[in-house]
Amino acid sequence: LRGIGFTANKFATETFMDELAYQRGVDPVKYRLELLSKTLRAHKVMERAAQMADWGKKLEGHGLGAAYIDYSGTQVSAVVEISVDRSTAKIKVHNVWCAIDCGTAVQPDNVVAQTESSIVYGIGLALTERISIKDGAVEQSNFYDYIVSRNHDVPSMHIEVMQTDNHPTGVGQMATPLITPAVSNAVMALTGKRMRHAPFTEERVKKAIG
């Protein structure tokens, strides 16, 4: 598992951030930018991820959701584009746009590769990876009943490394915690219903959106 601790915490804080924005009647990205206005590097990655995704565009049958994290000094923002199949209640992630500032990027191509892989892990945690306990034992035993992301689940990923003169910070799993809250926020934008319990299985989606 990647992003341990951060994954659960950012799901809580970044979905709540969206709820605060909706309560204020403010666009969720604009709300984050307002809060990050005095933190230049954070503001820039959030702004850039939104620009890459063309945030605010009208999407027929699709929704966008955003999230931001300061992960041990690395600044990361992501926007996801999702759809929900109403007949099956299955969520599909179509695109992920991610901006990352890890200071001096020593090997930029590897930063992109690590970010792509951490997004794939995040999609699994958001949509399918579930552990259940029965009589004190884990029920899942292998990949046939613990479902990880397959090739057909992987969306188009658009990664931009925003090099700065700051000292190098980590890149190994920095985008993983962003995907679950961003997907939840996108579902909210699309359906008006909030997903509060990950992973967002078909059963849970159907119960949430009706």
Protein backbone atom coordinates (compact mmCIF):
# COMPACT_ATOMS: atom_id res chain seq x y z
CA LEU A 1 0.00 0.00 0.00
CA ARG A 2 1.24 3.49 -0.83
CA GLY A 3 0.43 6.73 0.92
CA ILE A 4 -0.43 5.11 4.24
CA GLY A 5 -2.03 7.56 6.67
CA PHE A 6 -2.11 10.39 4.15
CA THR A 7 -4.67 8.47 2.06
CA ALA A 8 -7.33 8.29 4.77
CA ASN A 9 -6.60 11.77 6.13
CA LYS A 10 -6.72 13.53 2.77
CA PHE A 11 -9.94 11.76 1.86
CA ALA A 12 -11.50 13.33 4.94
CA THR A 13 -10.01 16.81 4.58
CA GLU A 14 -10.28 17.26 0.81
CA THR A 15 -13.89 16.10 0.57
CA PHE A 16 -14.76 18.33 3.52
CA MET A 17 -12.99 21.19 1.73
CA ASP A 18 -15.37 20.69 -1.17
CA GLU A 19 -18.36 20.70 1.17
CA LEU A 20 -17.20 23.99 2.68
CA ALA A 21 -16.89 25.45 -0.82
CA TYR A 22 -20.42 24.34 -1.72
CA GLN A 23 -21.77 25.77 1.55
CA ARG A 24 -20.16 29.11 0.67
CA GLY A 25 -21.39 28.95 -2.91
CA VAL A 26 -17.81 29.09 -4.19
CA ASP A 27 -16.16 27.02 -6.90
CA PRO A 28 -14.07 24.29 -5.17
CA VAL A 29 -10.87 25.15 -7.05
CA LYS A 30 -11.28 28.88 -6.48
CA TYR A 31 -11.87 28.16 -2.80
CA ARG A 32 -8.63 26.18 -2.56
CA LEU A 33 -6.72 28.87 -4.43
CA GLU A 34 -8.05 31.45 -2.00
CA LEU A 35 -6.86 29.40 0.97
CA LEU A 36 -3.48 28.76 -0.67
CA SER A 37 -2.93 32.35 -1.75
CA LYS A 38 -0.08 32.91 0.74
CA THR A 39 1.64 29.61 -0.09
CA LEU A 40 3.04 30.28 -3.55
CA ARG A 41 4.20 26.77 -4.51
CA ALA A 42 0.93 25.20 -3.39
CA HIS A 43 -1.10 27.85 -5.17
CA LYS A 44 0.81 27.29 -8.41
CA VAL A 45 0.32 23.51 -8.52
CA MET A 46 -3.40 23.83 -7.79
CA GLU A 47 -3.74 26.53 -10.41
CA ARG A 48 -1.79 24.54 -12.97
CA ALA A 49 -3.71 21.28 -12.47
CA ALA A 50 -6.95 23.21 -12.97
CA GLN A 51 -5.59 24.85 -16.12
CA MET A 52 -4.48 21.50 -17.53
CA ALA A 53 -7.96 20.08 -16.97
CA ASP A 54 -9.66 23.17 -18.39
CA TRP A 55 -11.51 23.44 -15.09
CA GLY A 56 -14.94 24.97 -15.43
CA LYS A 57 -15.67 23.54 -18.86
CA LYS A 58 -19.09 21.98 -19.45
CA LEU A 59 -18.97 18.20 -19.64
CA GLU A 60 -21.94 16.18 -20.80
CA GLY A 61 -22.35 13.19 -18.48
CA HIS A 62 -18.94 13.64 -16.87
CA GLY A 63 -17.79 15.34 -13.67
CA LEU A 64 -14.54 16.93 -12.49
CA GLY A 65 -13.12 16.82 -8.99
CA ALA A 66 -9.98 18.35 -7.53
CA ALA A 67 -7.68 17.75 -4.58
CA TYR A 68 -4.40 19.12 -3.19
CA ILE A 69 -1.74 17.83 -0.83
CA ASP A 70 1.51 18.95 0.76
CA TYR A 71 3.17 15.54 1.08
CA SER A 72 6.37 15.91 3.11
CA GLY A 73 7.23 19.13 1.32
CA THR A 74 6.21 18.00 -2.16
CA GLN A 75 3.33 20.05 -3.53
CA VAL A 76 0.81 18.08 -5.60
CA SER A 77 -2.60 18.83 -7.08
CA ALA A 78 -4.83 16.64 -9.20
CA VAL A 79 -8.06 16.93 -11.14
CA VAL A 80 -9.95 13.82 -12.21
CA GLU A 81 -12.68 13.37 -14.80
CA ILE A 82 -15.21 10.61 -14.13
CA SER A 83 -18.48 9.22 -15.38
CA VAL A 84 -21.03 7.02 -13.63
CA ASP A 85 -22.86 4.28 -15.52
CA ARG A 86 -26.38 4.62 -14.13
CA SER A 87 -27.33 1.06 -15.10
CA THR A 88 -24.43 -0.57 -13.23
CA ALA A 89 -23.47 2.24 -10.80
CA LYS A 90 -19.86 1.78 -11.90
CA ILE A 91 -17.52 4.77 -11.76
CA LYS A 92 -15.00 5.15 -14.56
CA VAL A 93 -12.02 7.50 -14.37
CA HIS A 94 -11.34 8.95 -17.84
CA ASN A 95 -8.58 11.48 -17.20
CA VAL A 96 -6.25 12.57 -14.43
CA TRP A 97 -4.34 15.84 -14.62
CA CYS A 98 -1.61 16.24 -12.03
CA ALA A 99 0.89 19.00 -11.27
CA ILE A 100 3.80 18.21 -8.96
CA ASP A 101 6.48 20.44 -7.46
CA CYS A 102 9.14 18.33 -5.78
CA GLY A 103 11.76 21.07 -5.79
CA THR A 104 14.72 20.15 -7.97
CA ALA A 105 13.59 17.18 -10.06
CA VAL A 106 16.76 15.10 -10.28
CA GLN A 107 15.26 12.66 -12.83
CA PRO A 108 12.14 14.28 -14.32
CA ASP A 109 11.12 11.24 -16.39
CA ASN A 110 11.18 9.09 -13.26
CA VAL A 111 9.11 11.71 -11.42
CA VAL A 112 6.45 11.37 -14.12
CA ALA A 113 6.61 7.56 -14.01
CA GLN A 114 6.33 7.46 -10.22
CA THR A 115 3.42 9.88 -10.31
CA GLU A 116 1.59 7.81 -12.93
CA SER A 117 2.05 4.65 -10.88
CA SER A 118 0.89 6.34 -7.70
CA ILE A 119 -2.25 7.49 -9.53
CA VAL A 120 -2.98 3.90 -10.55
CA TYR A 121 -2.66 2.83 -6.92
CA GLY A 122 -5.01 5.64 -5.95
CA ILE A 123 -7.63 4.51 -8.47
CA GLY A 124 -7.56 1.02 -6.99
CA LEU A 125 -8.03 2.39 -3.47
CA ALA A 126 -10.84 4.66 -4.67
CA LEU A 127 -12.85 2.13 -6.64
CA THR A 128 -12.10 -1.54 -5.96
CA GLU A 129 -9.54 -2.42 -3.29
CA ARG A 130 -11.47 -3.60 -0.27
CA ILE A 131 -10.53 -5.74 2.72
CA SER A 132 -13.27 -7.25 4.87
CA ILE A 133 -12.96 -9.13 8.15
CA LYS A 134 -15.05 -12.13 9.18
CA ASP A 135 -14.59 -14.04 12.45
CA GLY A 136 -11.33 -12.20 13.02
CA ALA A 137 -9.79 -13.13 9.66
CA VAL A 138 -9.30 -11.26 6.39
CA GLU A 139 -11.67 -12.72 3.79
CA GLN A 140 -9.64 -11.80 0.70
CA SER A 141 -6.73 -14.06 -0.19
CA ASN A 142 -5.49 -13.11 -3.66
CA PHE A 143 -6.06 -10.88 -6.66
CA TYR A 144 -9.24 -12.67 -7.75
CA ASP A 145 -11.09 -11.32 -4.70
CA TYR A 146 -8.89 -8.31 -3.85
CA ILE A 147 -9.35 -6.31 -7.04
CA VAL A 148 -6.51 -4.02 -8.12
CA SER A 149 -6.54 -1.74 -11.16
CA ARG A 150 -6.09 -3.50 -14.49
CA ASN A 151 -5.00 -2.01 -17.81
CA HIS A 152 -8.58 -1.27 -18.81
CA ASP A 153 -9.06 0.76 -15.62
CA VAL A 154 -6.12 3.08 -16.27
CA PRO A 155 -7.17 6.52 -17.56
CA SER A 156 -5.26 9.01 -19.64
CA MET A 157 -2.77 10.63 -17.28
CA HIS A 158 -1.35 14.10 -17.84
CA ILE A 159 1.57 14.89 -15.52
CA GLU A 160 3.47 18.17 -15.31
CA VAL A 161 6.63 18.44 -13.24
CA MET A 162 6.97 22.02 -12.01
CA GLN A 163 10.66 22.37 -11.21
CA THR A 164 11.66 24.90 -8.57
CA ASP A 165 14.96 25.78 -6.91
CA ASN A 166 13.93 24.18 -3.63
CA HIS A 167 15.78 21.10 -2.39
CA PRO A 168 14.52 17.78 -3.78
CA THR A 169 11.63 16.13 -1.94
CA GLY A 170 9.86 12.80 -2.40
CA VAL A 171 7.97 11.61 -5.48
CA GLY A 172 7.32 7.92 -4.76
CA GLN A 173 3.64 7.97 -3.79
CA MET A 174 2.65 11.60 -3.62
CA ALA A 175 -0.41 11.46 -5.89
CA THR A 176 -1.98 8.36 -4.34
CA PRO A 177 -3.85 10.18 -1.53
CA LEU A 178 -5.41 12.66 -3.98
CA ILE A 179 -7.37 10.23 -6.13
CA THR A 180 -10.07 9.05 -3.71
CA PRO A 181 -11.12 12.57 -2.60
CA ALA A 182 -10.90 13.88 -6.16
CA VAL A 183 -13.15 11.06 -7.39
CA SER A 184 -15.61 11.68 -4.54
CA ASN A 185 -15.63 15.37 -5.39
CA ALA A 186 -16.21 14.58 -9.07
CA VAL A 187 -19.14 12.30 -8.22
CA MET A 188 -20.61 15.11 -6.14
CA ALA A 189 -20.19 17.56 -9.02
CA LEU A 190 -21.85 15.12 -11.43
CA THR A 191 -24.67 13.67 -9.32
CA GLY A 192 -25.10 15.97 -6.32
CA LYS A 193 -24.45 13.00 -4.03
CA ARG A 194 -21.45 12.55 -1.76
CA MET A 195 -19.50 9.29 -1.53
CA ARG A 196 -18.22 8.98 2.03
CA HIS A 197 -17.03 5.37 2.22
CA ALA A 198 -14.20 4.08 0.03
CA PRO A 199 -13.80 2.07 -2.07
CA PHE A 200 -16.69 3.32 -4.18
CA THR A 201 -18.04 -0.08 -5.19
CA GLU A 202 -21.10 -0.41 -7.42
CA GLU A 203 -23.16 -1.36 -4.38
CA ARG A 204 -22.13 1.76 -2.47
CA VAL A 205 -22.57 4.03 -5.48
CA LYS A 206 -26.06 2.67 -6.15
CA LYS A 207 -27.02 3.24 -2.52
CA ALA A 208 -25.65 6.80 -2.57
CA ILE A 209 -27.05 8.05 -5.85
CA GLY A 210 -30.21 5.92 -6.06
